[in-house]
Amino acid sequence: MRKIEINKLYKSYIWGEEKIEVIKGISMTFEENRFYSIVGESGSGKTTLLNLIGGLDNPDSGSVMIDGKDITSMSDEEKAIFRNNKLGFVFQFYNLLKDFTLIENVMLPYYIKTGNKKEAIKNAYNTLEMFSLEKKANYYPHLLSGGEQQRGAIARAIINQPEIILADEPTGNLDKENKKIVMGILLNLRKKYNLTLIIVTHDIEIAKMSDSIIKLNYGKIEL
């Protein structure tokens, strides 16, 4: 079943007096319960495409349909609510809030969704247990290793049980052992919750794990 449908997507940026086209008319679909990797050289448009899919950036033209809803036509507030309910994001640099403890970081999406602080803390602790991080619940991010921070970031991404996980180089800053752990977690989550998993990566080993490899070349899909 189709989960995400992209139709004639274009995106450009202004650099000085020059207009740089980053995404050039991409159309494609992502099925539910599948793992996709997006690969390509630096500057090929991988992260831009992921940000457009997730509604973190707006296209010049074209549409991104998720479960039949065009997120490109939503207001910023509507998109924020939609993202919090449907999508989980994992980034290369973790993006944990430095002034919040680990459990505060993880609980935040659930608290925003429900307004129930007690329930948010309980769910966050239970989620941290899944990642063997419950003993680090009250640590601040700078006291955690890179692998622990990334596991915490994934815990935050899934606390609202999203249907889609978008990950931008999630193992880019990790050593071989932590890369293996993080990918194991993502693949297990995909299987457990029937997630659509989309990962931007330079790592050919990760790309080979996916059901489909999408190669970008100067803003277009290379067939």
N, C-alpha and C. Protein backbone atom coordinates (compact mmCIF):
# COMPACT_ATOMS: atom_id res chain seq x y z
N MET A 1 0.84 -1.21 0.00
CA MET A 1 0.00 0.00 0.00
C MET A 1 0.88 1.25 0.00
N ARG A 2 0.50 2.23 -0.82
CA ARG A 2 1.28 3.46 -0.92
C ARG A 2 1.17 4.29 0.35
N LYS A 3 2.32 4.67 0.88
CA LYS A 3 2.36 5.49 2.10
C LYS A 3 2.66 6.95 1.77
N ILE A 4 3.62 7.14 0.88
CA ILE A 4 4.05 8.49 0.49
C ILE A 4 4.06 8.56 -1.04
N GLU A 5 3.48 9.61 -1.57
CA GLU A 5 3.50 9.83 -3.02
C GLU A 5 4.06 11.23 -3.29
N ILE A 6 5.11 11.27 -4.08
CA ILE A 6 5.73 12.54 -4.46
C ILE A 6 5.45 12.78 -5.93
N ASN A 7 5.01 13.99 -6.25
CA ASN A 7 4.65 14.28 -7.64
C ASN A 7 5.31 15.56 -8.13
N LYS A 8 6.19 15.42 -9.11
CA LYS A 8 6.83 16.54 -9.80
C LYS A 8 7.36 17.59 -8.82
N LEU A 9 8.23 17.13 -7.93
CA LEU A 9 8.75 17.97 -6.86
C LEU A 9 9.98 18.76 -7.35
N TYR A 10 9.94 20.06 -7.13
CA TYR A 10 11.06 20.94 -7.47
C TYR A 10 11.44 21.76 -6.23
N LYS A 11 12.74 21.95 -6.07
CA LYS A 11 13.22 22.81 -4.98
C LYS A 11 14.51 23.48 -5.40
N SER A 12 14.58 24.79 -5.19
CA SER A 12 15.79 25.55 -5.51
C SER A 12 16.10 26.51 -4.37
N TYR A 13 17.35 26.97 -4.36
CA TYR A 13 17.79 27.95 -3.37
C TYR A 13 18.48 29.10 -4.10
N ILE A 14 18.41 30.27 -3.51
CA ILE A 14 19.11 31.43 -4.07
C ILE A 14 20.44 31.58 -3.37
N TRP A 15 21.51 31.59 -4.13
CA TRP A 15 22.86 31.76 -3.61
C TRP A 15 23.46 33.01 -4.26
N GLY A 16 23.43 34.11 -3.52
CA GLY A 16 23.84 35.38 -4.13
C GLY A 16 22.82 35.77 -5.19
N GLU A 17 23.28 35.89 -6.43
CA GLU A 17 22.37 36.20 -7.54
C GLU A 17 22.04 34.95 -8.35
N GLU A 18 22.52 33.82 -7.88
CA GLU A 18 22.34 32.57 -8.64
C GLU A 18 21.23 31.72 -8.03
N LYS A 19 20.43 31.13 -8.88
CA LYS A 19 19.39 30.19 -8.47
C LYS A 19 19.91 28.77 -8.69
N ILE A 20 19.97 28.01 -7.60
CA ILE A 20 20.51 26.65 -7.69
C ILE A 20 19.37 25.65 -7.52
N GLU A 21 19.12 24.86 -8.56
CA GLU A 21 18.09 23.83 -8.50
C GLU A 21 18.65 22.59 -7.81
N VAL A 22 18.02 22.20 -6.72
CA VAL A 22 18.50 21.08 -5.92
C VAL A 22 17.68 19.81 -6.19
N ILE A 23 16.38 19.95 -6.28
CA ILE A 23 15.48 18.83 -6.62
C ILE A 23 14.77 19.20 -7.92
N LYS A 24 14.82 18.31 -8.90
CA LYS A 24 14.39 18.65 -10.26
C LYS A 24 13.30 17.70 -10.77
N GLY A 25 12.08 17.95 -10.32
CA GLY A 25 10.95 17.23 -10.89
C GLY A 25 10.83 15.78 -10.49
N ILE A 26 11.14 15.46 -9.24
CA ILE A 26 11.09 14.06 -8.79
C ILE A 26 9.65 13.61 -8.54
N SER A 27 9.32 12.44 -9.08
CA SER A 27 8.05 11.77 -8.80
C SER A 27 8.35 10.33 -8.41
N MET A 28 7.77 9.88 -7.30
CA MET A 28 7.98 8.51 -6.86
C MET A 28 7.03 8.18 -5.72
N THR A 29 6.98 6.89 -5.37
CA THR A 29 6.14 6.46 -4.25
C THR A 29 6.96 5.64 -3.28
N PHE A 30 6.56 5.67 -2.02
CA PHE A 30 7.13 4.84 -0.96
C PHE A 30 6.00 3.99 -0.39
N GLU A 31 6.20 2.69 -0.34
CA GLU A 31 5.19 1.78 0.19
C GLU A 31 5.33 1.65 1.70
N GLU A 32 4.23 1.31 2.36
CA GLU A 32 4.29 1.10 3.80
C GLU A 32 5.06 -0.19 4.12
N ASN A 33 5.66 -0.22 5.30
CA ASN A 33 6.40 -1.38 5.80
C ASN A 33 7.54 -1.77 4.86
N ARG A 34 8.24 -0.77 4.34
CA ARG A 34 9.44 -1.03 3.53
C ARG A 34 10.57 -0.10 3.98
N PHE A 35 11.79 -0.52 3.72
CA PHE A 35 12.99 0.22 4.08
C PHE A 35 13.63 0.73 2.79
N TYR A 36 13.74 2.05 2.70
CA TYR A 36 14.34 2.71 1.54
C TYR A 36 15.62 3.42 1.96
N SER A 37 16.64 3.32 1.14
CA SER A 37 17.83 4.13 1.37
C SER A 37 17.97 5.11 0.21
N ILE A 38 18.34 6.34 0.55
CA ILE A 38 18.60 7.38 -0.45
C ILE A 38 20.09 7.64 -0.47
N VAL A 39 20.71 7.42 -1.62
CA VAL A 39 22.16 7.55 -1.74
C VAL A 39 22.50 8.54 -2.84
N GLY A 40 23.77 8.94 -2.89
CA GLY A 40 24.23 9.88 -3.91
C GLY A 40 25.39 10.69 -3.38
N GLU A 41 26.08 11.37 -4.27
CA GLU A 41 27.22 12.20 -3.90
C GLU A 41 26.76 13.38 -3.03
N SER A 42 27.70 13.96 -2.31
CA SER A 42 27.39 15.18 -1.55
C SER A 42 26.88 16.25 -2.51
N GLY A 43 25.79 16.91 -2.12
CA GLY A 43 25.22 17.94 -2.98
C GLY A 43 24.22 17.41 -4.00
N SER A 44 23.91 16.12 -3.92
CA SER A 44 22.98 15.54 -4.90
C SER A 44 21.52 15.80 -4.56
N GLY A 45 21.25 16.28 -3.33
CA GLY A 45 19.89 16.62 -2.95
C GLY A 45 19.25 15.66 -1.97
N LYS A 46 20.02 14.76 -1.38
CA LYS A 46 19.47 13.72 -0.50
C LYS A 46 18.76 14.32 0.72
N THR A 47 19.47 15.16 1.45
CA THR A 47 18.89 15.74 2.67
C THR A 47 17.72 16.66 2.33
N THR A 48 17.84 17.41 1.25
CA THR A 48 16.74 18.28 0.82
C THR A 48 15.49 17.47 0.53
N LEU A 49 15.65 16.34 -0.18
CA LEU A 49 14.51 15.48 -0.47
C LEU A 49 13.88 14.96 0.81
N LEU A 50 14.71 14.52 1.76
CA LEU A 50 14.19 14.01 3.03
C LEU A 50 13.43 15.09 3.78
N ASN A 51 13.97 16.32 3.78
CA ASN A 51 13.31 17.43 4.47
C ASN A 51 11.98 17.79 3.81
N LEU A 52 11.90 17.65 2.50
CA LEU A 52 10.64 17.91 1.79
C LEU A 52 9.61 16.84 2.12
N ILE A 53 10.05 15.60 2.17
CA ILE A 53 9.15 14.50 2.53
C ILE A 53 8.57 14.72 3.92
N GLY A 54 9.42 15.18 4.83
CA GLY A 54 9.01 15.36 6.21
C GLY A 54 8.35 16.70 6.51
N GLY A 55 8.21 17.54 5.51
CA GLY A 55 7.58 18.83 5.73
C GLY A 55 8.44 19.81 6.50
N LEU A 56 9.74 19.55 6.58
CA LEU A 56 10.65 20.49 7.24
C LEU A 56 11.05 21.62 6.31
N ASP A 57 10.81 21.43 5.02
CA ASP A 57 11.10 22.45 4.02
C ASP A 57 9.95 22.44 3.01
N ASN A 58 9.77 23.55 2.32
CA ASN A 58 8.68 23.67 1.35
C ASN A 58 9.23 23.62 -0.08
N PRO A 59 8.57 22.89 -0.97
CA PRO A 59 9.04 22.84 -2.36
C PRO A 59 8.66 24.11 -3.12
N ASP A 60 9.33 24.35 -4.24
CA ASP A 60 8.92 25.43 -5.13
C ASP A 60 7.60 25.06 -5.81
N SER A 61 7.48 23.78 -6.17
CA SER A 61 6.24 23.27 -6.77
C SER A 61 6.21 21.76 -6.60
N GLY A 62 5.04 21.19 -6.88
CA GLY A 62 4.88 19.75 -6.69
C GLY A 62 4.20 19.45 -5.37
N SER A 63 3.97 18.16 -5.13
CA SER A 63 3.25 17.78 -3.92
C SER A 63 3.90 16.59 -3.23
N VAL A 64 3.68 16.52 -1.92
CA VAL A 64 4.07 15.36 -1.11
C VAL A 64 2.81 14.89 -0.41
N MET A 65 2.33 13.72 -0.79
CA MET A 65 1.12 13.15 -0.21
C MET A 65 1.51 12.04 0.77
N ILE A 66 1.02 12.15 2.00
CA ILE A 66 1.21 11.11 3.01
C ILE A 66 -0.17 10.64 3.46
N ASP A 67 -0.43 9.37 3.24
CA ASP A 67 -1.77 8.82 3.53
C ASP A 67 -2.87 9.65 2.88
N GLY A 68 -2.59 10.10 1.66
CA GLY A 68 -3.60 10.84 0.91
C GLY A 68 -3.73 12.31 1.25
N LYS A 69 -2.91 12.80 2.18
CA LYS A 69 -2.96 14.21 2.56
C LYS A 69 -1.75 14.95 2.02
N ASP A 70 -1.99 16.06 1.36
CA ASP A 70 -0.92 16.86 0.77
C ASP A 70 -0.32 17.77 1.84
N ILE A 71 0.85 17.41 2.34
CA ILE A 71 1.45 18.20 3.41
C ILE A 71 1.96 19.54 2.92
N THR A 72 2.20 19.65 1.60
CA THR A 72 2.70 20.92 1.07
C THR A 72 1.64 22.01 1.10
N SER A 73 0.38 21.63 1.25
CA SER A 73 -0.70 22.62 1.29
C SER A 73 -1.10 22.99 2.72
N MET A 74 -0.44 22.36 3.70
CA MET A 74 -0.78 22.62 5.10
C MET A 74 -0.10 23.89 5.60
N SER A 75 -0.70 24.50 6.61
CA SER A 75 -0.06 25.62 7.30
C SER A 75 1.08 25.08 8.16
N ASP A 76 1.94 25.96 8.64
CA ASP A 76 3.05 25.52 9.48
C ASP A 76 2.55 24.80 10.73
N GLU A 77 1.48 25.31 11.32
CA GLU A 77 0.92 24.69 12.52
C GLU A 77 0.35 23.30 12.21
N GLU A 78 -0.35 23.18 11.09
CA GLU A 78 -0.91 21.89 10.69
C GLU A 78 0.20 20.88 10.42
N LYS A 79 1.26 21.36 9.78
CA LYS A 79 2.39 20.46 9.49
C LYS A 79 3.07 19.98 10.77
N ALA A 80 3.22 20.89 11.74
CA ALA A 80 3.86 20.52 13.00
C ALA A 80 3.06 19.43 13.72
N ILE A 81 1.75 19.58 13.74
CA ILE A 81 0.89 18.57 14.37
C ILE A 81 0.97 17.25 13.61
N PHE A 82 0.91 17.34 12.30
CA PHE A 82 0.96 16.14 11.46
C PHE A 82 2.28 15.40 11.67
N ARG A 83 3.39 16.14 11.67
CA ARG A 83 4.71 15.52 11.88
C ARG A 83 4.77 14.82 13.23
N ASN A 84 4.28 15.49 14.25
CA ASN A 84 4.36 14.94 15.60
C ASN A 84 3.55 13.65 15.74
N ASN A 85 2.48 13.53 14.97
CA ASN A 85 1.63 12.35 15.04
C ASN A 85 2.08 11.22 14.12
N LYS A 86 2.62 11.58 12.95
CA LYS A 86 2.86 10.58 11.92
C LYS A 86 4.32 10.22 11.70
N LEU A 87 5.22 11.16 11.97
CA LEU A 87 6.61 11.01 11.56
C LEU A 87 7.56 11.00 12.75
N GLY A 88 8.64 10.25 12.60
CA GLY A 88 9.73 10.29 13.56
C GLY A 88 11.01 10.65 12.83
N PHE A 89 11.78 11.59 13.37
CA PHE A 89 13.00 12.06 12.72
C PHE A 89 14.23 11.66 13.52
N VAL A 90 15.26 11.18 12.80
CA VAL A 90 16.55 10.86 13.41
C VAL A 90 17.62 11.55 12.58
N PHE A 91 18.51 12.31 13.26
CA PHE A 91 19.51 13.10 12.55
C PHE A 91 20.93 12.62 12.89
N GLN A 92 21.86 13.00 12.04
CA GLN A 92 23.26 12.61 12.24
C GLN A 92 23.82 13.17 13.54
N PHE A 93 23.43 14.39 13.89
CA PHE A 93 23.99 15.05 15.07
C PHE A 93 23.04 15.01 16.27
N TYR A 94 22.15 14.03 16.25
CA TYR A 94 21.27 13.68 17.38
C TYR A 94 20.20 14.72 17.67
N ASN A 95 20.59 16.01 17.72
CA ASN A 95 19.62 17.10 17.95
C ASN A 95 18.88 16.98 19.28
N LEU A 96 19.52 16.40 20.29
CA LEU A 96 18.95 16.41 21.63
C LEU A 96 19.13 17.81 22.22
N LEU A 97 18.12 18.28 22.93
CA LEU A 97 18.20 19.60 23.55
C LEU A 97 19.15 19.56 24.74
N LYS A 98 20.21 20.38 24.68
CA LYS A 98 21.30 20.26 25.65
C LYS A 98 20.90 20.62 27.07
N ASP A 99 19.88 21.47 27.23
CA ASP A 99 19.46 21.90 28.57
C ASP A 99 18.38 21.00 29.16
N PHE A 100 18.03 19.94 28.43
CA PHE A 100 17.04 18.98 28.90
C PHE A 100 17.73 17.65 29.19
N THR A 101 17.26 16.94 30.22
CA THR A 101 17.77 15.59 30.47
C THR A 101 17.30 14.66 29.36
N LEU A 102 17.86 13.46 29.36
CA LEU A 102 17.48 12.50 28.33
C LEU A 102 15.98 12.20 28.37
N ILE A 103 15.45 11.96 29.56
CA ILE A 103 14.02 11.63 29.64
C ILE A 103 13.14 12.82 29.25
N GLU A 104 13.61 14.03 29.54
CA GLU A 104 12.86 15.22 29.13
C GLU A 104 12.86 15.35 27.61
N ASN A 105 13.98 15.03 26.97
CA ASN A 105 14.05 15.05 25.52
C ASN A 105 13.09 14.03 24.91
N VAL A 106 13.09 12.84 25.48
CA VAL A 106 12.29 11.75 24.91
C VAL A 106 10.80 11.98 25.12
N MET A 107 10.43 12.54 26.26
CA MET A 107 9.01 12.74 26.58
C MET A 107 8.37 13.87 25.79
N LEU A 108 9.19 14.78 25.27
CA LEU A 108 8.68 16.03 24.70
C LEU A 108 7.63 15.83 23.60
N PRO A 109 7.86 14.97 22.58
CA PRO A 109 6.83 14.82 21.54
C PRO A 109 5.50 14.32 22.10
N TYR A 110 5.54 13.42 23.08
CA TYR A 110 4.31 12.90 23.66
C TYR A 110 3.60 13.97 24.49
N TYR A 111 4.38 14.75 25.21
CA TYR A 111 3.80 15.83 26.02
C TYR A 111 3.15 16.88 25.13
N ILE A 112 3.81 17.20 24.01
CA ILE A 112 3.24 18.17 23.07
C ILE A 112 1.93 17.64 22.50
N LYS A 113 1.90 16.35 22.24
CA LYS A 113 0.71 15.72 21.65
C LYS A 113 -0.46 15.65 22.62
N THR A 114 -0.19 15.32 23.89
CA THR A 114 -1.27 15.02 24.84
C THR A 114 -1.46 16.07 25.92
N GLY A 115 -0.38 16.80 26.27
CA GLY A 115 -0.45 17.74 27.37
C GLY A 115 -0.44 17.06 28.74
N ASN A 116 -0.22 15.75 28.75
CA ASN A 116 -0.24 14.98 29.99
C ASN A 116 1.20 14.67 30.42
N LYS A 117 1.72 15.46 31.36
CA LYS A 117 3.12 15.33 31.75
C LYS A 117 3.41 14.00 32.44
N LYS A 118 2.53 13.58 33.33
CA LYS A 118 2.74 12.34 34.07
C LYS A 118 2.81 11.14 33.11
N GLU A 119 1.88 11.10 32.18
CA GLU A 119 1.84 10.01 31.20
C GLU A 119 3.05 10.08 30.26
N ALA A 120 3.47 11.30 29.93
CA ALA A 120 4.62 11.49 29.05
C ALA A 120 5.89 10.95 29.70
N ILE A 121 6.08 11.23 30.99
CA ILE A 121 7.25 10.73 31.72
C ILE A 121 7.23 9.21 31.78
N LYS A 122 6.07 8.64 32.06
CA LYS A 122 5.94 7.19 32.15
C LYS A 122 6.27 6.53 30.80
N ASN A 123 5.70 7.07 29.72
CA ASN A 123 5.97 6.50 28.40
C ASN A 123 7.41 6.67 27.99
N ALA A 124 8.00 7.82 28.34
CA ALA A 124 9.40 8.06 28.01
C ALA A 124 10.30 7.07 28.73
N TYR A 125 10.02 6.81 30.00
CA TYR A 125 10.83 5.85 30.75
C TYR A 125 10.70 4.45 30.16
N ASN A 126 9.48 4.07 29.82
CA ASN A 126 9.27 2.75 29.21
C ASN A 126 9.99 2.64 27.87
N THR A 127 10.01 3.73 27.13
CA THR A 127 10.69 3.73 25.83
C THR A 127 12.20 3.64 26.03
N LEU A 128 12.73 4.36 27.02
CA LEU A 128 14.16 4.29 27.31
C LEU A 128 14.57 2.87 27.71
N GLU A 129 13.68 2.16 28.39
CA GLU A 129 13.97 0.77 28.76
C GLU A 129 14.18 -0.10 27.53
N MET A 130 13.45 0.18 26.46
CA MET A 130 13.61 -0.58 25.22
C MET A 130 15.02 -0.46 24.66
N PHE A 131 15.67 0.66 24.99
CA PHE A 131 17.01 0.94 24.46
C PHE A 131 18.10 0.78 25.52
N SER A 132 17.73 0.18 26.65
CA SER A 132 18.66 -0.01 27.77
C SER A 132 19.28 1.31 28.23
N LEU A 133 18.46 2.34 28.27
CA LEU A 133 18.92 3.68 28.66
C LEU A 133 18.23 4.20 29.91
N GLU A 134 17.44 3.35 30.58
CA GLU A 134 16.67 3.85 31.73
C GLU A 134 17.56 4.36 32.85
N LYS A 135 18.77 3.79 32.98
CA LYS A 135 19.68 4.25 34.03
C LYS A 135 20.30 5.61 33.70
N LYS A 136 20.16 6.04 32.45
CA LYS A 136 20.71 7.34 32.05
C LYS A 136 19.61 8.38 31.87
N ALA A 137 18.42 8.07 32.37
CA ALA A 137 17.25 8.92 32.12
C ALA A 137 17.47 10.37 32.56
N ASN A 138 18.17 10.58 33.66
CA ASN A 138 18.34 11.93 34.19
C ASN A 138 19.68 12.56 33.83
N TYR A 139 20.39 11.95 32.88
CA TYR A 139 21.64 12.52 32.40
C TYR A 139 21.35 13.58 31.33
N TYR A 140 22.20 14.59 31.29
CA TYR A 140 22.13 15.56 30.20
C TYR A 140 22.92 15.02 29.00
N PRO A 141 22.58 15.44 27.78
CA PRO A 141 23.20 14.86 26.58
C PRO A 141 24.72 14.85 26.59
N HIS A 142 25.35 15.90 27.14
CA HIS A 142 26.82 15.96 27.09
C HIS A 142 27.48 14.88 27.96
N LEU A 143 26.70 14.25 28.83
CA LEU A 143 27.23 13.18 29.67
C LEU A 143 27.04 11.79 29.05
N LEU A 144 26.43 11.76 27.88
CA LEU A 144 26.18 10.50 27.18
C LEU A 144 27.17 10.30 26.05
N SER A 145 27.46 9.04 25.73
CA SER A 145 28.31 8.75 24.58
C SER A 145 27.53 9.03 23.30
N GLY A 146 28.23 9.05 22.17
CA GLY A 146 27.57 9.27 20.89
C GLY A 146 26.52 8.21 20.61
N GLY A 147 26.84 6.96 20.89
CA GLY A 147 25.89 5.88 20.68
C GLY A 147 24.66 6.01 21.56
N GLU A 148 24.87 6.43 22.81
CA GLU A 148 23.75 6.62 23.73
C GLU A 148 22.86 7.78 23.28
N GLN A 149 23.50 8.86 22.83
CA GLN A 149 22.72 10.00 22.34
C GLN A 149 21.87 9.61 21.13
N GLN A 150 22.44 8.82 20.23
CA GLN A 150 21.68 8.43 19.05
C GLN A 150 20.54 7.48 19.40
N ARG A 151 20.79 6.56 20.32
CA ARG A 151 19.72 5.68 20.79
C ARG A 151 18.61 6.50 21.47
N GLY A 152 19.02 7.53 22.23
CA GLY A 152 18.05 8.42 22.85
C GLY A 152 17.25 9.18 21.81
N ALA A 153 17.92 9.60 20.75
CA ALA A 153 17.24 10.33 19.67
C ALA A 153 16.21 9.43 18.98
N ILE A 154 16.55 8.16 18.81
CA ILE A 154 15.59 7.22 18.20
C ILE A 154 14.42 6.98 19.15
N ALA A 155 14.71 6.88 20.46
CA ALA A 155 13.63 6.73 21.45
C ALA A 155 12.67 7.91 21.35
N ARG A 156 13.21 9.10 21.23
CA ARG A 156 12.36 10.29 21.08
C ARG A 156 11.54 10.21 19.79
N ALA A 157 12.16 9.70 18.73
CA ALA A 157 11.49 9.62 17.43
C ALA A 157 10.31 8.67 17.42
N ILE A 158 10.33 7.66 18.28
CA ILE A 158 9.28 6.64 18.21
C ILE A 158 8.26 6.72 19.34
N ILE A 159 8.41 7.65 20.29
CA ILE A 159 7.54 7.65 21.46
C ILE A 159 6.07 7.81 21.08
N ASN A 160 5.78 8.50 19.99
CA ASN A 160 4.40 8.67 19.55
C ASN A 160 3.97 7.59 18.56
N GLN A 161 4.76 6.54 18.46
CA GLN A 161 4.49 5.42 17.55
C GLN A 161 4.19 5.91 16.13
N PRO A 162 5.17 6.56 15.50
CA PRO A 162 4.96 7.08 14.15
C PRO A 162 4.84 5.95 13.12
N GLU A 163 4.28 6.28 12.00
CA GLU A 163 4.14 5.31 10.92
C GLU A 163 5.31 5.39 9.94
N ILE A 164 6.08 6.48 10.04
CA ILE A 164 7.21 6.72 9.14
C ILE A 164 8.39 7.22 9.96
N ILE A 165 9.57 6.67 9.71
CA ILE A 165 10.80 7.21 10.30
C ILE A 165 11.69 7.72 9.17
N LEU A 166 12.11 8.98 9.30
CA LEU A 166 13.03 9.60 8.36
C LEU A 166 14.35 9.82 9.07
N ALA A 167 15.41 9.24 8.55
CA ALA A 167 16.71 9.31 9.22
C ALA A 167 17.77 9.84 8.26
N ASP A 168 18.46 10.88 8.69
CA ASP A 168 19.50 11.52 7.87
C ASP A 168 20.88 11.15 8.42
N GLU A 169 21.56 10.25 7.74
CA GLU A 169 22.89 9.77 8.16
C GLU A 169 22.90 9.39 9.65
N PRO A 170 22.00 8.52 10.09
CA PRO A 170 21.87 8.24 11.52
C PRO A 170 23.09 7.56 12.14
N THR A 171 23.97 7.00 11.32
CA THR A 171 25.17 6.35 11.85
C THR A 171 26.44 7.11 11.47
N GLY A 172 26.27 8.30 10.91
CA GLY A 172 27.42 9.04 10.37
C GLY A 172 28.49 9.38 11.38
N ASN A 173 28.12 9.56 12.66
CA ASN A 173 29.09 9.94 13.69
C ASN A 173 29.43 8.80 14.64
N LEU A 174 29.05 7.57 14.26
CA LEU A 174 29.21 6.44 15.17
C LEU A 174 30.31 5.49 14.72
N ASP A 175 30.93 4.82 15.70
CA ASP A 175 31.91 3.79 15.37
C ASP A 175 31.19 2.54 14.87
N LYS A 176 31.97 1.56 14.45
CA LYS A 176 31.41 0.37 13.81
C LYS A 176 30.43 -0.36 14.72
N GLU A 177 30.76 -0.50 15.99
CA GLU A 177 29.92 -1.23 16.92
C GLU A 177 28.59 -0.52 17.16
N ASN A 178 28.66 0.80 17.38
CA ASN A 178 27.44 1.56 17.61
C ASN A 178 26.59 1.67 16.34
N LYS A 179 27.26 1.70 15.19
CA LYS A 179 26.52 1.69 13.92
C LYS A 179 25.68 0.43 13.81
N LYS A 180 26.28 -0.69 14.18
CA LYS A 180 25.58 -1.98 14.13
C LYS A 180 24.39 -1.98 15.09
N ILE A 181 24.60 -1.43 16.30
CA ILE A 181 23.52 -1.38 17.30
C ILE A 181 22.36 -0.51 16.81
N VAL A 182 22.69 0.68 16.31
CA VAL A 182 21.65 1.62 15.87
C VAL A 182 20.86 1.06 14.69
N MET A 183 21.55 0.46 13.72
CA MET A 183 20.84 -0.11 12.58
C MET A 183 19.98 -1.29 13.01
N GLY A 184 20.48 -2.07 13.96
CA GLY A 184 19.68 -3.18 14.49
C GLY A 184 18.39 -2.68 15.11
N ILE A 185 18.49 -1.57 15.87
CA ILE A 185 17.32 -0.98 16.50
C ILE A 185 16.32 -0.50 15.44
N LEU A 186 16.80 0.23 14.44
CA LEU A 186 15.91 0.76 13.41
C LEU A 186 15.22 -0.36 12.63
N LEU A 187 15.95 -1.41 12.31
CA LEU A 187 15.36 -2.52 11.56
C LEU A 187 14.36 -3.29 12.40
N ASN A 188 14.65 -3.45 13.68
CA ASN A 188 13.70 -4.12 14.57
C ASN A 188 12.43 -3.31 14.75
N LEU A 189 12.58 -1.98 14.87
CA LEU A 189 11.41 -1.11 15.00
C LEU A 189 10.55 -1.18 13.75
N ARG A 190 11.19 -1.18 12.60
CA ARG A 190 10.46 -1.25 11.34
C ARG A 190 9.63 -2.54 11.27
N LYS A 191 10.24 -3.64 11.70
CA LYS A 191 9.53 -4.93 11.67
C LYS A 191 8.41 -4.97 12.72
N LYS A 192 8.71 -4.46 13.91
CA LYS A 192 7.74 -4.53 15.02
C LYS A 192 6.50 -3.69 14.77
N TYR A 193 6.71 -2.48 14.20
CA TYR A 193 5.60 -1.54 14.03
C TYR A 193 5.16 -1.36 12.58
N ASN A 194 5.70 -2.17 11.66
CA ASN A 194 5.36 -2.06 10.23
C ASN A 194 5.62 -0.65 9.69
N LEU A 195 6.75 -0.09 10.08
CA LEU A 195 7.10 1.27 9.71
C LEU A 195 7.57 1.37 8.25
N THR A 196 7.37 2.53 7.69
CA THR A 196 8.10 2.91 6.48
C THR A 196 9.37 3.61 6.95
N LEU A 197 10.52 3.07 6.59
CA LEU A 197 11.81 3.59 7.04
C LEU A 197 12.57 4.14 5.85
N ILE A 198 12.93 5.43 5.91
CA ILE A 198 13.67 6.08 4.83
C ILE A 198 14.95 6.66 5.42
N ILE A 199 16.09 6.18 4.91
CA ILE A 199 17.38 6.60 5.46
C ILE A 199 18.25 7.20 4.36
N VAL A 200 18.75 8.40 4.61
CA VAL A 200 19.80 9.00 3.77
C VAL A 200 21.14 8.49 4.29
N THR A 201 21.95 7.96 3.40
CA THR A 201 23.23 7.41 3.85
C THR A 201 24.29 7.45 2.77
N HIS A 202 25.55 7.56 3.22
CA HIS A 202 26.70 7.39 2.34
C HIS A 202 27.25 5.96 2.46
N ASP A 203 26.71 5.21 3.39
CA ASP A 203 27.27 3.89 3.75
C ASP A 203 26.65 2.80 2.88
N ILE A 204 27.44 2.21 2.02
CA ILE A 204 26.93 1.20 1.10
C ILE A 204 26.44 -0.04 1.84
N GLU A 205 27.03 -0.33 3.00
CA GLU A 205 26.58 -1.48 3.79
C GLU A 205 25.15 -1.28 4.26
N ILE A 206 24.81 -0.07 4.68
CA ILE A 206 23.45 0.23 5.11
C ILE A 206 22.51 0.19 3.91
N ALA A 207 22.93 0.76 2.79
CA ALA A 207 22.10 0.76 1.59
C ALA A 207 21.73 -0.66 1.17
N LYS A 208 22.68 -1.58 1.30
CA LYS A 208 22.43 -2.97 0.90
C LYS A 208 21.40 -3.67 1.79
N MET A 209 21.18 -3.15 3.01
CA MET A 209 20.18 -3.72 3.91
C MET A 209 18.76 -3.36 3.48
N SER A 210 18.60 -2.31 2.68
CA SER A 210 17.28 -1.78 2.37
C SER A 210 16.57 -2.60 1.31
N ASP A 211 15.24 -2.42 1.27
CA ASP A 211 14.43 -3.08 0.24
C ASP A 211 14.61 -2.40 -1.11
N SER A 212 14.81 -1.09 -1.09
CA SER A 212 14.97 -0.32 -2.33
C SER A 212 16.03 0.75 -2.13
N ILE A 213 16.89 0.93 -3.13
CA ILE A 213 17.91 1.97 -3.11
C ILE A 213 17.53 3.04 -4.13
N ILE A 214 17.44 4.28 -3.65
CA ILE A 214 17.13 5.42 -4.52
C ILE A 214 18.41 6.23 -4.68
N LYS A 215 18.91 6.31 -5.89
CA LYS A 215 20.15 7.05 -6.12
C LYS A 215 19.84 8.40 -6.75
N LEU A 216 20.27 9.46 -6.08
CA LEU A 216 20.09 10.81 -6.60
C LEU A 216 21.35 11.27 -7.30
N ASN A 217 21.16 11.97 -8.40
CA ASN A 217 22.27 12.53 -9.15
C ASN A 217 21.86 13.93 -9.62
N TYR A 218 22.43 14.94 -8.98
CA TYR A 218 22.11 16.34 -9.31
C TYR A 218 20.60 16.59 -9.31
N GLY A 219 19.94 16.11 -8.26
CA GLY A 219 18.53 16.43 -8.06
C GLY A 219 17.55 15.57 -8.81
N LYS A 220 18.05 14.57 -9.51
CA LYS A 220 17.17 13.65 -10.23
C LYS A 220 17.46 12.21 -9.79
N ILE A 221 16.46 11.36 -9.95
CA ILE A 221 16.65 9.94 -9.64
C ILE A 221 17.38 9.28 -10.79
N GLU A 222 18.47 8.61 -10.45
CA GLU A 222 19.27 7.92 -11.47
C GLU A 222 18.71 6.51 -11.64
N LEU A 223 18.25 6.21 -12.82
CA LEU A 223 17.63 4.91 -13.11
C LEU A 223 18.66 3.87 -13.52
